[in-house]
N, C-alpha and C. Protein backbone atom coordinates (compact mmCIF):
# COMPACT_ATOMS: atom_id res chain seq x y z
N MET A 1 0.91 -1.19 0.03
CA MET A 1 0.16 -0.07 -0.01
C MET A 1 0.91 1.29 0.02
N LYS A 2 0.49 2.45 -0.84
CA LYS A 2 1.17 3.47 -0.78
C LYS A 2 1.22 4.28 0.78
N SER A 3 2.52 4.90 0.95
CA SER A 3 2.54 5.32 2.29
C SER A 3 1.43 6.45 2.33
N LEU A 4 0.57 6.54 3.57
CA LEU A 4 -0.44 7.42 3.56
C LEU A 4 0.10 8.39 4.61
N ASP A 5 -0.45 9.60 4.56
CA ASP A 5 -0.07 10.71 5.55
C ASP A 5 -1.48 10.59 6.71
N LEU A 6 -1.45 9.72 7.38
CA LEU A 6 -2.38 9.09 8.09
C LEU A 6 -1.88 8.37 9.17
N ARG A 7 -2.18 8.97 10.54
CA ARG A 7 -1.81 7.87 11.66
C ARG A 7 -2.23 6.50 11.72
N ASP A 8 -1.39 5.65 11.99
CA ASP A 8 -1.92 4.17 12.06
C ASP A 8 -3.35 3.98 12.98
N GLN A 9 -3.11 4.75 14.10
CA GLN A 9 -4.23 4.74 15.18
C GLN A 9 -5.50 5.34 14.44
N ASP A 10 -5.42 6.31 13.61
CA ASP A 10 -6.75 6.88 12.94
C ASP A 10 -7.26 6.00 11.90
N LEU A 11 -6.28 5.21 11.24
CA LEU A 11 -6.67 4.28 10.06
C LEU A 11 -7.29 3.07 10.82
N ALA A 12 -6.71 2.68 11.95
CA ALA A 12 -7.39 1.45 12.84
C ALA A 12 -8.88 2.01 13.19
N VAL A 13 -9.01 3.14 13.54
CA VAL A 13 -10.29 3.58 14.26
C VAL A 13 -11.16 3.45 13.19
N LEU A 14 -10.75 4.24 11.84
CA LEU A 14 -11.70 4.32 10.68
C LEU A 14 -12.03 2.91 10.29
N ARG A 15 -11.27 1.75 10.10
CA ARG A 15 -11.67 0.59 9.76
C ARG A 15 -12.44 -0.03 10.71
N ARG A 16 -12.23 0.11 12.03
CA ARG A 16 -13.35 -0.35 12.97
C ARG A 16 -14.52 0.20 12.69
N THR A 17 -14.64 1.47 12.54
CA THR A 17 -16.05 1.94 12.31
C THR A 17 -16.74 1.56 11.01
N PHE A 18 -15.84 1.32 9.88
CA PHE A 18 -16.29 0.79 8.34
C PHE A 18 -16.82 -0.52 8.87
N ARG A 19 -16.34 -1.40 9.52
CA ARG A 19 -16.94 -2.83 9.74
C ARG A 19 -18.00 -2.83 10.46
N ARG A 20 -18.46 -1.98 11.03
CA ARG A 20 -19.76 -1.89 12.18
C ARG A 20 -20.78 -1.75 10.90
N PHE A 21 -20.54 -1.39 9.67
CA PHE A 21 -21.63 -0.97 8.75
C PHE A 21 -21.54 -2.16 7.54
N PRO A 22 -22.27 -3.23 7.41
CA PRO A 22 -21.78 -4.15 5.95
C PRO A 22 -22.28 -3.54 5.01
N CYS A 23 -22.92 -2.41 4.89
CA CYS A 23 -23.46 -1.78 3.59
C CYS A 23 -22.19 -1.23 2.83
N VAL A 24 -20.84 -0.96 3.91
CA VAL A 24 -19.99 -0.38 3.16
C VAL A 24 -19.11 -1.34 2.45
N ARG A 25 -19.09 -1.15 1.20
CA ARG A 25 -18.12 -1.95 0.28
C ARG A 25 -16.64 -1.23 0.12
N GLU A 26 -16.37 -0.03 -0.05
CA GLU A 26 -15.16 0.22 -0.24
C GLU A 26 -14.89 1.65 0.10
N VAL A 27 -13.71 1.98 0.71
CA VAL A 27 -13.51 3.41 0.97
C VAL A 27 -12.25 3.98 0.61
N ARG A 28 -12.08 4.82 -0.05
CA ARG A 28 -10.76 5.56 -0.40
C ARG A 28 -10.51 6.86 0.08
N LEU A 29 -9.22 6.68 0.70
CA LEU A 29 -8.72 8.04 0.93
C LEU A 29 -8.25 8.81 -0.04
N PHE A 30 -8.34 10.14 -0.35
CA PHE A 30 -8.07 11.18 -1.37
C PHE A 30 -7.82 12.28 -0.74
N GLY A 31 -7.19 13.18 -1.53
CA GLY A 31 -6.75 14.65 -1.22
C GLY A 31 -5.60 14.49 -0.44
N SER A 32 -5.07 15.63 -0.03
CA SER A 32 -3.58 15.69 0.45
C SER A 32 -3.04 14.59 1.11
N ARG A 33 -3.97 13.98 2.02
CA ARG A 33 -3.31 12.80 2.77
C ARG A 33 -3.21 11.38 1.98
N ALA A 34 -3.59 11.30 0.75
CA ALA A 34 -3.42 10.39 0.06
C ALA A 34 -2.19 10.80 -0.83
N THR A 35 -1.98 12.06 -1.24
CA THR A 35 -1.03 12.47 -2.29
C THR A 35 0.59 12.60 -1.46
N GLY A 36 0.25 12.76 -0.01
CA GLY A 36 1.65 13.37 0.75
C GLY A 36 1.71 14.45 0.74
N HIS A 37 0.81 15.34 0.52
CA HIS A 37 0.96 16.87 0.78
C HIS A 37 0.15 17.45 1.88
N ALA A 38 -0.12 16.56 2.79
CA ALA A 38 -1.04 17.01 4.00
C ALA A 38 -0.11 18.07 4.89
N ARG A 39 -0.75 18.95 5.37
CA ARG A 39 -0.27 19.90 6.32
C ARG A 39 -0.84 19.47 7.84
N ARG A 40 -0.20 20.02 8.74
CA ARG A 40 -0.66 19.44 10.09
C ARG A 40 -2.03 19.30 10.46
N ALA A 41 -2.73 20.29 9.90
CA ALA A 41 -4.28 20.50 10.25
C ALA A 41 -5.11 20.10 9.23
N SER A 42 -4.61 19.41 8.03
CA SER A 42 -5.35 18.99 6.88
C SER A 42 -6.55 17.97 7.25
N ASP A 43 -7.51 18.04 6.63
CA ASP A 43 -8.76 17.29 6.84
C ASP A 43 -8.37 15.69 6.22
N ILE A 44 -9.10 14.81 6.44
CA ILE A 44 -9.10 13.47 5.92
C ILE A 44 -10.36 13.23 4.90
N ASP A 45 -9.70 12.98 3.70
CA ASP A 45 -10.87 13.29 2.61
C ASP A 45 -11.31 11.70 2.32
N LEU A 46 -12.49 11.25 2.55
CA LEU A 46 -12.64 9.85 2.32
C LEU A 46 -13.96 9.72 1.09
N ALA A 47 -13.90 8.85 0.16
CA ALA A 47 -15.04 8.79 -0.82
C ALA A 47 -15.37 7.15 -0.21
N ILE A 48 -16.73 6.91 0.20
CA ILE A 48 -17.29 5.93 0.67
C ILE A 48 -18.29 5.18 -0.51
N SER A 49 -18.14 4.16 -0.72
CA SER A 49 -18.97 3.22 -1.62
C SER A 49 -19.84 2.49 -0.67
N ALA A 50 -21.24 2.71 -0.63
CA ALA A 50 -21.94 1.99 -0.07
C ALA A 50 -23.50 2.23 -0.86
N PRO A 51 -23.45 1.33 -1.89
CA PRO A 51 -24.51 1.40 -2.77
C PRO A 51 -26.11 1.02 -2.37
N ASP A 52 -25.95 0.05 -1.37
CA ASP A 52 -27.20 -0.50 -0.87
C ASP A 52 -27.57 0.15 0.39
N ALA A 53 -26.86 1.17 0.87
CA ALA A 53 -27.23 1.76 2.26
C ALA A 53 -28.58 2.46 1.98
N THR A 54 -29.45 2.23 3.13
CA THR A 54 -30.63 3.08 3.24
C THR A 54 -30.22 4.62 3.69
N THR A 55 -31.07 5.57 3.70
CA THR A 55 -30.75 6.80 4.28
C THR A 55 -30.41 6.62 5.65
N ASP A 56 -31.23 5.85 6.33
CA ASP A 56 -30.83 5.96 7.95
C ASP A 56 -29.52 4.91 8.11
N GLN A 57 -29.30 3.83 7.25
CA GLN A 57 -27.63 3.49 7.24
C GLN A 57 -26.65 4.37 7.16
N TRP A 58 -26.75 5.31 6.10
CA TRP A 58 -25.80 6.35 5.55
C TRP A 58 -25.78 7.33 7.06
N LEU A 59 -26.76 7.65 7.52
CA LEU A 59 -26.91 8.78 8.51
C LEU A 59 -26.33 8.11 9.88
N GLU A 60 -26.15 7.01 10.20
CA GLU A 60 -25.79 6.23 11.40
C GLU A 60 -24.16 6.16 11.09
N LEU A 61 -24.20 5.94 9.75
CA LEU A 61 -22.50 5.75 9.57
C LEU A 61 -21.58 6.98 9.82
N THR A 62 -22.50 8.31 9.02
CA THR A 62 -21.98 9.49 9.26
C THR A 62 -21.67 10.00 10.73
N ASP A 63 -22.83 9.74 11.41
CA ASP A 63 -22.46 9.94 12.91
C ASP A 63 -21.54 9.18 13.60
N ALA A 64 -21.47 7.87 13.32
CA ALA A 64 -20.35 7.17 13.75
C ALA A 64 -18.89 7.79 13.55
N LEU A 65 -18.93 8.13 12.39
CA LEU A 65 -17.55 8.81 11.95
C LEU A 65 -17.32 10.08 12.60
N ASP A 66 -18.45 10.95 12.83
CA ASP A 66 -18.36 12.23 13.62
C ASP A 66 -17.76 12.02 15.11
N GLU A 67 -18.35 10.73 15.60
CA GLU A 67 -17.99 10.58 16.94
C GLU A 67 -16.84 9.74 17.03
N ALA A 68 -16.16 9.46 16.11
CA ALA A 68 -14.88 8.66 16.07
C ALA A 68 -13.55 9.41 16.97
N PRO A 69 -12.97 8.89 17.69
CA PRO A 69 -11.73 9.44 18.26
C PRO A 69 -10.76 9.87 17.45
N ILE A 70 -10.91 10.83 16.24
CA ILE A 70 -9.91 11.02 15.51
C ILE A 70 -9.48 12.62 15.52
N ILE A 71 -8.37 13.15 15.62
CA ILE A 71 -8.20 14.74 15.86
C ILE A 71 -8.37 15.58 14.76
N TYR A 72 -8.48 14.82 13.45
CA TYR A 72 -8.60 15.58 12.30
C TYR A 72 -10.06 15.64 11.77
N GLU A 73 -10.43 16.66 11.08
CA GLU A 73 -11.68 16.58 10.64
C GLU A 73 -11.83 15.87 9.32
N LEU A 74 -13.14 15.24 9.38
CA LEU A 74 -13.35 14.07 8.33
C LEU A 74 -14.37 15.02 7.40
N ASP A 75 -13.79 14.52 5.72
CA ASP A 75 -14.63 15.28 4.50
C ASP A 75 -15.26 13.80 3.93
N VAL A 76 -16.45 13.64 4.16
CA VAL A 76 -16.91 12.40 3.55
C VAL A 76 -17.83 12.63 2.27
N VAL A 77 -17.59 11.79 1.28
CA VAL A 77 -18.57 11.70 0.13
C VAL A 77 -18.96 10.36 -0.17
N ARG A 78 -20.23 10.05 -0.68
CA ARG A 78 -20.67 9.16 -1.15
C ARG A 78 -20.53 8.84 -2.39
N THR A 79 -19.78 7.90 -2.88
CA THR A 79 -19.34 7.64 -4.46
C THR A 79 -20.60 7.58 -5.20
N GLU A 80 -21.75 7.09 -4.70
CA GLU A 80 -22.89 6.74 -5.60
C GLU A 80 -23.62 8.02 -5.91
N ARG A 81 -23.32 9.08 -4.95
CA ARG A 81 -24.20 10.44 -5.10
C ARG A 81 -23.13 11.38 -5.62
N LEU A 82 -22.10 11.10 -6.45
CA LEU A 82 -21.06 12.09 -6.88
C LEU A 82 -21.77 12.39 -8.30
N TYR A 83 -21.81 13.89 -8.62
CA TYR A 83 -22.16 14.35 -9.61
C TYR A 83 -20.88 15.11 -10.34
N SER A 84 -19.96 15.50 -9.61
CA SER A 84 -18.85 16.43 -10.26
C SER A 84 -18.03 15.33 -11.23
N PRO A 85 -17.81 15.51 -12.21
CA PRO A 85 -16.79 14.79 -13.05
C PRO A 85 -15.48 15.18 -12.64
N ARG A 86 -15.09 16.31 -12.21
CA ARG A 86 -13.80 16.89 -11.72
C ARG A 86 -13.50 16.16 -10.53
N LEU A 87 -14.38 15.91 -9.44
CA LEU A 87 -14.22 15.32 -8.20
C LEU A 87 -14.03 13.55 -8.50
N ILE A 88 -15.02 13.10 -9.20
CA ILE A 88 -14.96 11.75 -9.80
C ILE A 88 -13.43 11.38 -10.30
N GLU A 89 -13.13 12.07 -11.23
CA GLU A 89 -11.76 11.94 -11.83
C GLU A 89 -10.67 12.23 -10.70
N LYS A 90 -10.79 13.08 -9.66
CA LYS A 90 -9.85 13.32 -8.53
C LYS A 90 -9.66 11.94 -7.89
N ILE A 91 -10.83 11.37 -7.45
CA ILE A 91 -10.88 10.08 -6.51
C ILE A 91 -10.13 9.18 -7.34
N ALA A 92 -10.69 8.95 -8.62
CA ALA A 92 -10.06 7.93 -9.53
C ALA A 92 -8.47 8.05 -9.61
N ARG A 93 -8.18 9.35 -9.79
CA ARG A 93 -6.71 9.44 -9.99
C ARG A 93 -5.72 9.13 -8.78
N GLU A 94 -6.07 9.81 -7.77
CA GLU A 94 -5.45 9.63 -6.67
C GLU A 94 -6.03 8.90 -5.26
N GLY A 95 -7.22 8.11 -5.33
CA GLY A 95 -7.79 7.74 -4.23
C GLY A 95 -6.98 6.24 -3.79
N VAL A 96 -6.68 6.07 -2.73
CA VAL A 96 -6.13 5.02 -2.23
C VAL A 96 -7.16 3.94 -1.46
N PRO A 97 -7.57 2.93 -1.63
CA PRO A 97 -8.21 1.97 -1.00
C PRO A 97 -7.72 1.86 0.47
N ILE A 98 -8.61 2.17 1.50
CA ILE A 98 -8.12 1.92 2.64
C ILE A 98 -9.12 1.21 3.40
N TYR A 99 -10.14 0.55 2.91
CA TYR A 99 -11.34 -0.14 3.46
C TYR A 99 -11.79 -1.13 2.25
N PRO A 100 -11.52 -2.36 2.30
CA PRO A 100 -11.90 -3.08 1.00
C PRO A 100 -13.70 -3.45 1.14
N GLY A 101 -13.98 -3.42 2.51
CA GLY A 101 -15.29 -3.69 2.63
C GLY A 101 -16.00 -5.24 2.49
N ASN A 102 -17.31 -5.34 2.34
CA ASN A 102 -17.78 -6.55 2.15
C ASN A 102 -18.15 -6.70 0.54
N THR A 103 -17.85 -8.01 0.27
CA THR A 103 -18.24 -8.11 -1.21
C THR A 103 -19.61 -8.34 -1.74
N THR A 104 -20.43 -8.76 -0.41
CA THR A 104 -21.85 -9.12 -0.26
C THR A 104 -22.28 -7.98 0.40
N ALA A 105 -23.44 -7.37 0.21
CA ALA A 105 -24.04 -6.31 1.01
C ALA A 105 -25.67 -6.80 1.40
């Protein structure tokens, strides 16, 4: 795996959180923490694929991420709801899978 600008303990917290939600198929880290250009206070950009998640499940997931003991702000997008070609290309180009998720949801 590419060297990420993310603390091991934060990555572990994120993965534990995603494991609680079977609807999560894949999570990609993108932005400055994926490219190695993060500053001290840079946020963590996450593209989450959860195609079968209900609205309630998605809200529970984002609430769990908000409550996660991570010192950095999380910026979360749902890949199935992306309409910006520019953002889609950015995630495809620099996104690093950090959670493979479940193959069956």
